[in-house]
N, C-alpha and C. Protein backbone atom coordinates (compact mmCIF):
# COMPACT_ATOMS: atom_id res chain seq x y z
N UNK A 1 -52.91 5.11 -10.54
CA UNK A 1 -52.11 5.21 -9.33
C UNK A 1 -51.25 6.28 -9.08
N UNK A 2 -50.42 6.45 -10.25
CA UNK A 2 -49.55 7.51 -10.35
C UNK A 2 -50.26 8.98 -10.19
N UNK A 3 -51.47 9.12 -11.04
CA UNK A 3 -52.24 10.21 -10.92
C UNK A 3 -52.76 10.53 -9.51
N UNK A 4 -53.02 9.51 -8.70
CA UNK A 4 -53.37 9.67 -7.42
C UNK A 4 -52.50 10.27 -6.59
N UNK A 5 -51.19 9.90 -6.68
CA UNK A 5 -49.92 10.51 -6.01
C UNK A 5 -49.89 11.90 -6.25
N UNK A 6 -50.23 12.53 -7.54
CA UNK A 6 -49.95 13.77 -7.95
C UNK A 6 -51.37 14.40 -7.87
N UNK A 7 -52.18 14.36 -6.93
CA UNK A 7 -53.45 14.80 -6.71
C UNK A 7 -54.43 15.02 -8.11
N UNK A 8 -54.30 13.78 -8.82
CA UNK A 8 -55.28 13.76 -9.93
C UNK A 8 -54.64 14.10 -11.30
N UNK A 9 -53.52 14.70 -11.37
CA UNK A 9 -52.76 15.14 -12.50
C UNK A 9 -52.31 13.67 -13.25
N UNK A 10 -52.47 13.87 -14.49
CA UNK A 10 -52.02 12.84 -15.30
C UNK A 10 -50.47 13.01 -15.71
N UNK A 11 -49.63 11.87 -15.50
CA UNK A 11 -48.30 11.84 -15.93
C UNK A 11 -47.99 12.25 -17.49
N UNK A 12 -46.95 12.86 -17.73
CA UNK A 12 -46.55 13.07 -19.13
C UNK A 12 -45.93 11.79 -19.81
N UNK A 13 -46.73 11.40 -20.76
CA UNK A 13 -46.27 10.18 -21.37
C UNK A 13 -45.48 10.31 -22.69
N UNK A 14 -44.94 11.70 -22.90
CA UNK A 14 -44.40 11.85 -24.08
C UNK A 14 -42.94 11.53 -23.96
N UNK A 15 -42.27 11.35 -22.78
CA UNK A 15 -40.89 10.82 -22.74
C UNK A 15 -40.80 9.42 -22.87
N UNK A 16 -39.73 9.10 -23.62
CA UNK A 16 -39.39 7.65 -23.96
C UNK A 16 -38.92 6.93 -22.70
N UNK A 17 -39.41 5.89 -22.38
CA UNK A 17 -38.99 5.09 -21.10
C UNK A 17 -37.52 5.04 -20.95
N UNK A 18 -36.70 4.66 -22.16
CA UNK A 18 -35.50 4.31 -22.12
C UNK A 18 -34.77 5.73 -21.85
N UNK A 19 -35.25 6.77 -22.28
CA UNK A 19 -34.68 8.06 -21.98
C UNK A 19 -34.84 8.29 -20.46
N UNK A 20 -35.98 8.05 -19.94
CA UNK A 20 -36.28 8.33 -18.57
C UNK A 20 -35.25 7.43 -17.53
N UNK A 21 -34.72 6.24 -18.03
CA UNK A 21 -33.94 5.43 -17.34
C UNK A 21 -32.55 6.15 -17.37
N UNK A 22 -32.31 6.69 -18.61
CA UNK A 22 -30.92 7.23 -18.85
C UNK A 22 -30.96 8.37 -17.97
N UNK A 23 -31.78 9.30 -18.05
CA UNK A 23 -32.02 10.46 -17.31
C UNK A 23 -31.91 10.21 -15.73
N UNK A 24 -32.48 9.18 -15.37
CA UNK A 24 -32.51 8.89 -13.79
C UNK A 24 -31.22 8.48 -13.42
N UNK A 25 -30.45 7.66 -14.41
CA UNK A 25 -29.17 7.18 -14.13
C UNK A 25 -27.93 8.35 -13.96
N UNK A 26 -28.29 9.41 -14.94
CA UNK A 26 -27.37 10.33 -14.93
C UNK A 26 -27.46 11.29 -13.67
N UNK A 27 -28.76 11.43 -13.10
CA UNK A 27 -29.18 11.92 -11.98
C UNK A 27 -28.30 11.41 -10.87
N UNK A 28 -28.68 10.11 -10.72
CA UNK A 28 -27.93 9.13 -9.59
C UNK A 28 -26.38 9.64 -9.79
N UNK A 29 -25.86 9.59 -11.02
CA UNK A 29 -24.51 9.65 -11.08
C UNK A 29 -23.90 11.04 -10.61
N UNK A 30 -24.78 12.06 -10.83
CA UNK A 30 -24.37 13.39 -10.37
C UNK A 30 -24.52 13.29 -9.03
N UNK A 31 -25.37 12.62 -8.25
CA UNK A 31 -25.47 12.87 -6.72
C UNK A 31 -24.27 12.00 -6.27
N UNK A 32 -23.97 10.90 -6.77
CA UNK A 32 -22.86 10.09 -6.24
C UNK A 32 -21.61 10.71 -6.47
N UNK A 33 -21.31 11.51 -7.35
CA UNK A 33 -20.09 12.12 -7.78
C UNK A 33 -19.66 13.19 -6.83
N UNK A 34 -20.43 14.10 -6.40
CA UNK A 34 -20.06 15.01 -5.45
C UNK A 34 -21.23 15.46 -4.39
N UNK A 35 -22.14 14.44 -4.40
CA UNK A 35 -23.27 14.66 -3.37
C UNK A 35 -23.94 15.99 -3.66
N UNK A 36 -23.94 16.41 -4.83
CA UNK A 36 -24.83 17.93 -5.01
C UNK A 36 -25.58 17.74 -6.27
N UNK A 37 -26.95 17.99 -6.36
CA UNK A 37 -27.60 17.86 -7.45
C UNK A 37 -28.37 19.31 -7.56
N UNK A 38 -28.26 19.70 -8.72
CA UNK A 38 -28.79 20.96 -9.12
C UNK A 38 -30.00 20.66 -10.06
N UNK A 39 -31.40 20.97 -9.81
CA UNK A 39 -32.40 20.85 -10.65
C UNK A 39 -33.12 21.95 -11.02
N UNK A 40 -33.48 22.32 -12.15
CA UNK A 40 -34.22 23.29 -12.68
C UNK A 40 -35.35 22.75 -13.36
N UNK A 41 -36.58 23.38 -13.31
CA UNK A 41 -37.81 22.99 -13.99
C UNK A 41 -38.51 24.25 -14.51
N UNK A 42 -39.11 24.18 -15.75
CA UNK A 42 -40.00 25.24 -16.15
C UNK A 42 -41.34 24.58 -16.57
N UNK A 43 -42.34 25.35 -16.21
CA UNK A 43 -43.69 24.93 -16.58
C UNK A 43 -44.06 25.42 -17.85
N UNK A 44 -44.33 24.51 -18.66
CA UNK A 44 -44.59 24.78 -20.02
C UNK A 44 -45.65 25.79 -20.35
N UNK A 45 -46.93 25.67 -19.44
CA UNK A 45 -47.99 26.44 -19.71
C UNK A 45 -47.56 27.88 -19.02
N UNK A 46 -47.25 28.10 -17.87
CA UNK A 46 -46.95 29.39 -17.15
C UNK A 46 -45.72 30.04 -17.72
N UNK A 47 -44.73 29.25 -18.00
CA UNK A 47 -43.41 29.46 -18.27
C UNK A 47 -42.68 30.01 -16.93
N UNK A 48 -43.20 29.68 -15.88
CA UNK A 48 -42.58 29.71 -14.50
C UNK A 48 -41.51 28.74 -14.41
N UNK A 49 -40.50 29.26 -13.79
CA UNK A 49 -39.22 28.18 -13.40
C UNK A 49 -38.74 28.46 -12.05
N UNK A 50 -38.43 27.14 -11.79
CA UNK A 50 -37.81 27.03 -10.17
C UNK A 50 -36.56 26.40 -10.32
N UNK A 51 -35.60 26.53 -9.38
CA UNK A 51 -34.39 25.79 -9.25
C UNK A 51 -34.25 25.39 -7.80
N UNK A 52 -33.62 24.21 -7.69
CA UNK A 52 -33.23 23.80 -6.38
C UNK A 52 -31.96 22.94 -6.47
N UNK A 53 -31.19 23.09 -5.42
CA UNK A 53 -30.04 22.25 -5.11
C UNK A 53 -30.06 21.40 -3.99
N UNK A 54 -29.85 20.29 -4.21
CA UNK A 54 -29.97 19.09 -3.12
C UNK A 54 -28.55 18.54 -2.92
N UNK A 55 -28.30 18.66 -1.66
CA UNK A 55 -26.96 18.14 -1.19
C UNK A 55 -27.13 17.06 -0.28
N UNK A 56 -26.26 16.02 -0.53
CA UNK A 56 -26.36 14.79 0.49
C UNK A 56 -25.05 14.70 1.39
N UNK A 57 -25.17 15.35 2.54
CA UNK A 57 -24.05 15.39 3.47
C UNK A 57 -23.99 14.37 4.54
N UNK A 58 -25.17 13.50 4.42
CA UNK A 58 -25.32 12.28 5.34
C UNK A 58 -24.19 11.36 5.18
N UNK A 59 -23.64 10.93 6.34
CA UNK A 59 -22.56 10.03 6.54
C UNK A 59 -21.33 10.51 5.71
N UNK A 60 -20.82 11.88 5.55
CA UNK A 60 -19.81 12.22 4.94
C UNK A 60 -19.13 13.37 5.85
N UNK A 61 -17.87 13.28 5.70
CA UNK A 61 -16.92 14.21 6.59
C UNK A 61 -17.04 15.66 6.22
N UNK A 62 -17.09 16.50 6.95
CA UNK A 62 -17.22 17.96 6.51
C UNK A 62 -15.82 18.49 6.06
N UNK A 63 -15.94 19.67 5.47
CA UNK A 63 -14.56 20.23 5.08
C UNK A 63 -13.62 20.43 6.23
N UNK A 64 -14.15 20.74 7.28
CA UNK A 64 -13.31 21.10 8.50
C UNK A 64 -12.69 19.71 8.86
N UNK A 65 -13.46 18.53 8.97
CA UNK A 65 -12.98 17.46 9.36
C UNK A 65 -11.77 16.75 8.45
N UNK A 66 -12.14 17.07 7.17
CA UNK A 66 -11.10 16.54 6.16
C UNK A 66 -9.70 17.42 6.25
N UNK A 67 -10.00 18.85 6.45
CA UNK A 67 -8.78 19.61 6.65
C UNK A 67 -7.92 19.26 7.91
N UNK A 68 -8.68 18.97 8.94
CA UNK A 68 -8.11 18.51 10.26
C UNK A 68 -7.30 17.24 10.00
N UNK A 69 -7.97 16.31 9.42
CA UNK A 69 -7.23 15.09 9.06
C UNK A 69 -5.91 15.14 8.32
N UNK A 70 -6.08 16.13 7.29
CA UNK A 70 -4.71 16.26 6.55
C UNK A 70 -3.69 17.04 7.29
N UNK A 71 -4.03 17.85 8.17
CA UNK A 71 -3.12 18.85 9.00
C UNK A 71 -2.54 17.51 10.03
N UNK A 72 -3.37 16.65 10.53
CA UNK A 72 -2.82 15.52 11.52
C UNK A 72 -1.89 14.72 10.55
N UNK A 73 -2.16 14.36 9.37
CA UNK A 73 -1.25 13.62 8.47
C UNK A 73 0.13 14.34 8.36
N UNK A 74 -0.07 15.65 8.01
CA UNK A 74 1.14 16.27 7.90
C UNK A 74 2.01 16.40 9.21
N UNK A 75 1.28 16.66 10.21
CA UNK A 75 1.94 16.65 11.48
C UNK A 75 2.68 15.28 11.93
N UNK A 76 2.16 14.22 11.66
CA UNK A 76 2.72 12.99 12.08
C UNK A 76 3.60 12.33 10.99
N UNK A 77 3.78 13.01 9.81
CA UNK A 77 4.49 12.45 8.78
C UNK A 77 5.97 12.29 9.07
N UNK A 78 6.56 13.32 9.87
CA UNK A 78 7.94 13.18 10.29
C UNK A 78 8.19 11.93 11.15
N UNK A 79 7.19 11.85 12.28
CA UNK A 79 7.19 10.78 13.14
C UNK A 79 7.08 9.37 12.35
N UNK A 80 6.34 9.43 11.48
CA UNK A 80 6.13 8.05 10.66
C UNK A 80 7.40 7.77 9.78
N UNK A 81 7.97 8.79 9.35
CA UNK A 81 9.15 8.50 8.55
C UNK A 81 10.32 8.11 9.41
N UNK A 82 10.39 8.66 10.66
CA UNK A 82 11.45 8.33 11.58
C UNK A 82 11.18 6.82 12.06
N UNK A 83 10.04 6.52 12.14
CA UNK A 83 9.55 5.06 12.75
C UNK A 83 9.94 4.09 11.34
N UNK A 84 9.76 4.43 10.34
CA UNK A 84 10.09 3.56 9.21
C UNK A 84 11.55 3.35 8.95
N UNK A 85 12.27 4.52 9.22
CA UNK A 85 13.90 4.53 9.14
C UNK A 85 14.34 3.40 10.19
N UNK A 86 13.72 3.68 11.49
CA UNK A 86 14.22 2.93 12.60
C UNK A 86 13.94 1.52 12.29
N UNK A 87 12.81 1.12 11.79
CA UNK A 87 12.45 -0.32 11.33
C UNK A 87 13.39 -0.99 10.29
N UNK A 88 13.74 -0.07 9.36
CA UNK A 88 14.46 -0.40 8.36
C UNK A 88 16.02 -0.69 8.77
N UNK A 89 16.42 0.14 9.80
CA UNK A 89 17.94 -0.10 10.40
C UNK A 89 17.83 -1.26 11.12
N UNK A 90 16.63 -1.55 11.92
CA UNK A 90 16.62 -2.71 12.72
C UNK A 90 16.80 -3.91 11.78
N UNK A 91 15.80 -4.12 10.76
CA UNK A 91 15.77 -5.08 9.85
C UNK A 91 17.25 -5.34 9.07
N UNK A 92 17.83 -4.32 8.93
CA UNK A 92 19.20 -4.36 8.29
C UNK A 92 20.15 -5.09 9.18
N UNK A 93 20.17 -4.64 10.37
CA UNK A 93 20.97 -5.26 11.68
C UNK A 93 20.92 -6.60 11.58
N UNK A 94 19.32 -7.01 11.73
CA UNK A 94 19.24 -8.39 12.00
C UNK A 94 19.47 -9.25 10.72
N UNK A 95 19.39 -8.71 9.51
CA UNK A 95 19.82 -9.50 8.39
C UNK A 95 21.24 -9.76 8.46
N UNK A 96 22.22 -8.73 8.80
CA UNK A 96 23.31 -8.79 8.89
C UNK A 96 23.92 -9.75 9.90
N UNK A 97 23.27 -9.73 11.19
CA UNK A 97 23.44 -10.66 12.13
C UNK A 97 23.29 -12.25 11.82
N UNK A 98 22.24 -12.45 11.04
CA UNK A 98 21.92 -13.84 10.76
C UNK A 98 22.92 -14.26 9.48
N UNK A 99 23.16 -13.27 8.75
CA UNK A 99 24.30 -13.62 7.63
C UNK A 99 25.56 -13.92 8.28
N UNK A 100 25.89 -13.11 9.14
CA UNK A 100 27.19 -13.42 10.00
C UNK A 100 27.18 -14.53 10.66
N UNK A 101 26.08 -14.92 11.33
CA UNK A 101 25.93 -16.25 11.94
C UNK A 101 26.17 -17.40 11.06
N UNK A 102 25.49 -17.26 9.87
CA UNK A 102 25.50 -18.30 8.93
C UNK A 102 27.06 -18.53 8.46
N UNK A 103 27.74 -17.49 8.18
CA UNK A 103 29.04 -17.45 7.57
C UNK A 103 30.00 -17.97 8.73
N UNK A 104 29.67 -17.79 9.96
CA UNK A 104 30.59 -18.08 11.04
C UNK A 104 30.43 -19.68 11.06
N UNK A 105 29.19 -20.20 10.92
CA UNK A 105 28.75 -21.50 11.11
C UNK A 105 29.56 -22.32 10.00
N UNK A 106 29.57 -21.76 8.95
CA UNK A 106 30.32 -22.30 7.75
C UNK A 106 31.75 -22.36 8.04
N UNK A 107 32.38 -21.39 8.45
CA UNK A 107 33.73 -21.14 9.04
C UNK A 107 34.06 -22.40 10.07
N UNK A 108 33.18 -22.49 10.96
CA UNK A 108 33.36 -23.33 12.00
C UNK A 108 33.36 -24.94 11.65
N UNK A 109 32.52 -25.07 10.51
CA UNK A 109 32.77 -26.48 9.53
C UNK A 109 34.00 -26.63 8.97
N UNK A 110 34.47 -25.56 8.34
CA UNK A 110 35.74 -25.47 7.71
C UNK A 110 36.87 -25.72 8.60
N UNK A 111 36.88 -24.96 9.71
CA UNK A 111 37.76 -25.23 10.85
C UNK A 111 37.85 -26.73 11.38
N UNK A 112 36.86 -27.10 11.54
CA UNK A 112 36.67 -28.50 12.19
C UNK A 112 37.23 -29.59 11.18
N UNK A 113 36.88 -29.40 9.69
CA UNK A 113 37.47 -30.21 8.82
C UNK A 113 38.87 -30.20 8.73
N UNK A 114 39.51 -29.02 8.95
CA UNK A 114 40.89 -28.66 8.83
C UNK A 114 41.55 -29.38 9.95
N UNK A 115 40.89 -29.29 11.35
CA UNK A 115 41.60 -30.03 12.44
C UNK A 115 41.63 -31.50 12.38
N UNK A 116 40.39 -31.88 11.83
CA UNK A 116 40.41 -33.39 11.40
C UNK A 116 41.58 -33.95 10.57
N UNK A 117 41.59 -32.94 9.54
CA UNK A 117 42.72 -33.32 8.60
C UNK A 117 44.06 -33.37 9.05
N UNK A 118 44.28 -32.41 9.87
CA UNK A 118 45.66 -32.17 10.69
C UNK A 118 45.92 -33.39 11.50
N UNK A 119 44.88 -33.82 12.27
CA UNK A 119 44.82 -35.03 13.28
C UNK A 119 45.17 -36.12 12.54
N UNK A 120 44.53 -36.48 11.14
CA UNK A 120 44.78 -37.49 10.53
C UNK A 120 45.92 -37.50 9.47
N UNK A 121 46.64 -36.53 9.31
CA UNK A 121 47.84 -36.32 8.62
C UNK A 121 48.98 -35.75 9.37
N UNK A 122 49.38 -36.37 10.41
CA UNK A 122 50.51 -35.93 11.30
C UNK A 122 51.81 -36.14 10.77
N UNK A 123 51.94 -36.94 9.71
CA UNK A 123 53.14 -37.31 9.01
C UNK A 123 53.36 -36.83 7.53
N UNK A 124 52.21 -35.74 7.34
CA UNK A 124 52.23 -35.19 5.92
C UNK A 124 53.66 -34.44 5.69
N UNK A 125 53.81 -34.22 4.55
CA UNK A 125 55.09 -33.35 4.01
C UNK A 125 54.79 -31.98 4.19
N UNK A 126 55.75 -31.22 4.20
CA UNK A 126 55.76 -29.66 4.58
C UNK A 126 54.91 -29.05 3.38
N UNK A 127 55.08 -29.42 2.12
CA UNK A 127 54.31 -28.86 1.14
C UNK A 127 52.77 -29.09 1.19
N UNK A 128 52.29 -30.37 1.74
CA UNK A 128 51.06 -30.61 2.20
C UNK A 128 50.48 -29.59 3.06
N UNK A 129 51.18 -29.45 4.23
CA UNK A 129 50.75 -28.46 5.13
C UNK A 129 50.40 -27.11 4.69
N UNK A 130 51.62 -26.63 3.96
CA UNK A 130 51.43 -25.34 3.31
C UNK A 130 50.27 -25.09 2.24
N UNK A 131 50.07 -26.31 1.51
CA UNK A 131 48.92 -26.11 0.73
C UNK A 131 47.61 -26.34 1.37
N UNK A 132 47.60 -26.95 2.47
CA UNK A 132 46.28 -26.86 3.16
C UNK A 132 46.00 -25.56 3.84
N UNK A 133 47.16 -24.92 4.28
CA UNK A 133 46.97 -23.69 5.05
C UNK A 133 46.53 -22.57 3.85
N UNK A 134 47.15 -22.74 2.77
CA UNK A 134 46.75 -21.66 1.61
C UNK A 134 45.18 -21.80 1.30
N UNK A 135 44.71 -23.06 1.05
CA UNK A 135 43.32 -23.22 0.99
C UNK A 135 42.54 -22.73 1.98
N UNK A 136 42.82 -23.04 3.23
CA UNK A 136 42.12 -22.45 4.43
C UNK A 136 42.08 -20.94 4.39
N UNK A 137 43.20 -20.27 4.19
CA UNK A 137 43.17 -18.95 4.18
C UNK A 137 42.22 -18.36 3.03
N UNK A 138 42.36 -19.03 1.88
CA UNK A 138 41.41 -18.55 0.93
C UNK A 138 40.02 -18.72 1.09
N UNK A 139 39.61 -19.60 1.79
CA UNK A 139 38.34 -20.03 2.11
C UNK A 139 37.73 -19.09 3.10
N UNK A 140 38.49 -18.77 4.24
CA UNK A 140 37.88 -17.83 5.25
C UNK A 140 38.37 -16.47 5.30
N UNK A 141 39.07 -16.15 4.31
CA UNK A 141 39.74 -14.80 4.23
C UNK A 141 38.51 -13.83 4.13
N UNK A 142 38.80 -12.60 4.84
CA UNK A 142 37.80 -11.55 4.99
C UNK A 142 37.58 -10.89 3.47
N UNK A 143 38.52 -10.94 2.74
CA UNK A 143 38.52 -10.58 1.39
C UNK A 143 37.76 -11.44 0.25
N UNK A 144 37.35 -12.74 0.92
CA UNK A 144 36.81 -13.67 0.01
C UNK A 144 35.26 -13.27 -0.05
N UNK A 145 34.70 -13.43 -1.31
CA UNK A 145 33.43 -13.17 -1.72
C UNK A 145 32.20 -13.92 -0.68
N UNK A 146 32.80 -14.85 -0.18
CA UNK A 146 31.81 -15.72 0.70
C UNK A 146 31.27 -14.94 2.05
N UNK A 147 32.16 -14.16 2.49
CA UNK A 147 31.87 -13.42 3.70
C UNK A 147 31.48 -11.97 3.53
C-alpha cells in the first residue's frame, strides 16, 4: 500500500519505528514553535541534495498587523492610564462617602442616646453633666480614631 503511493518504490525499513515517531514529533514541534520548517534531504545513491523551507502563515497575523497592533497599544496607553486613574479616584471618593455616612450614622446614634440621657436626667448634678459632655466630646471628636 505504501509502495503504491510512491510509484512502486519500497519504503526504507532501516529506521526504528520509535525514532520515526520521535523525529515526527520533533518536526511537529518545530512547525508549531515558529511556523517555519526547514527540511533538507540527500539521496544516498546519487548524493544529490535538496532543501525546502515550509512556512505556515495560515490564520496568523502578519508582521505588519502585529506592528500596527503594538503601535495602537502604545497610542492608547495614555488614555487607558487616564481612565484607570479616573476610576480609582471615583472609587476612592465613593469609599470615603460611604465611610463618612457610616460614621455620621454612628454619631447620630450617639447624639440620640445623649439627648435621651439628658431628658431622663434633668435633675443630675453638675459633675454628671460635665462628665457626660466629656464622654460625648471624646466619642465624636474629629481627632478620635473612629472618624
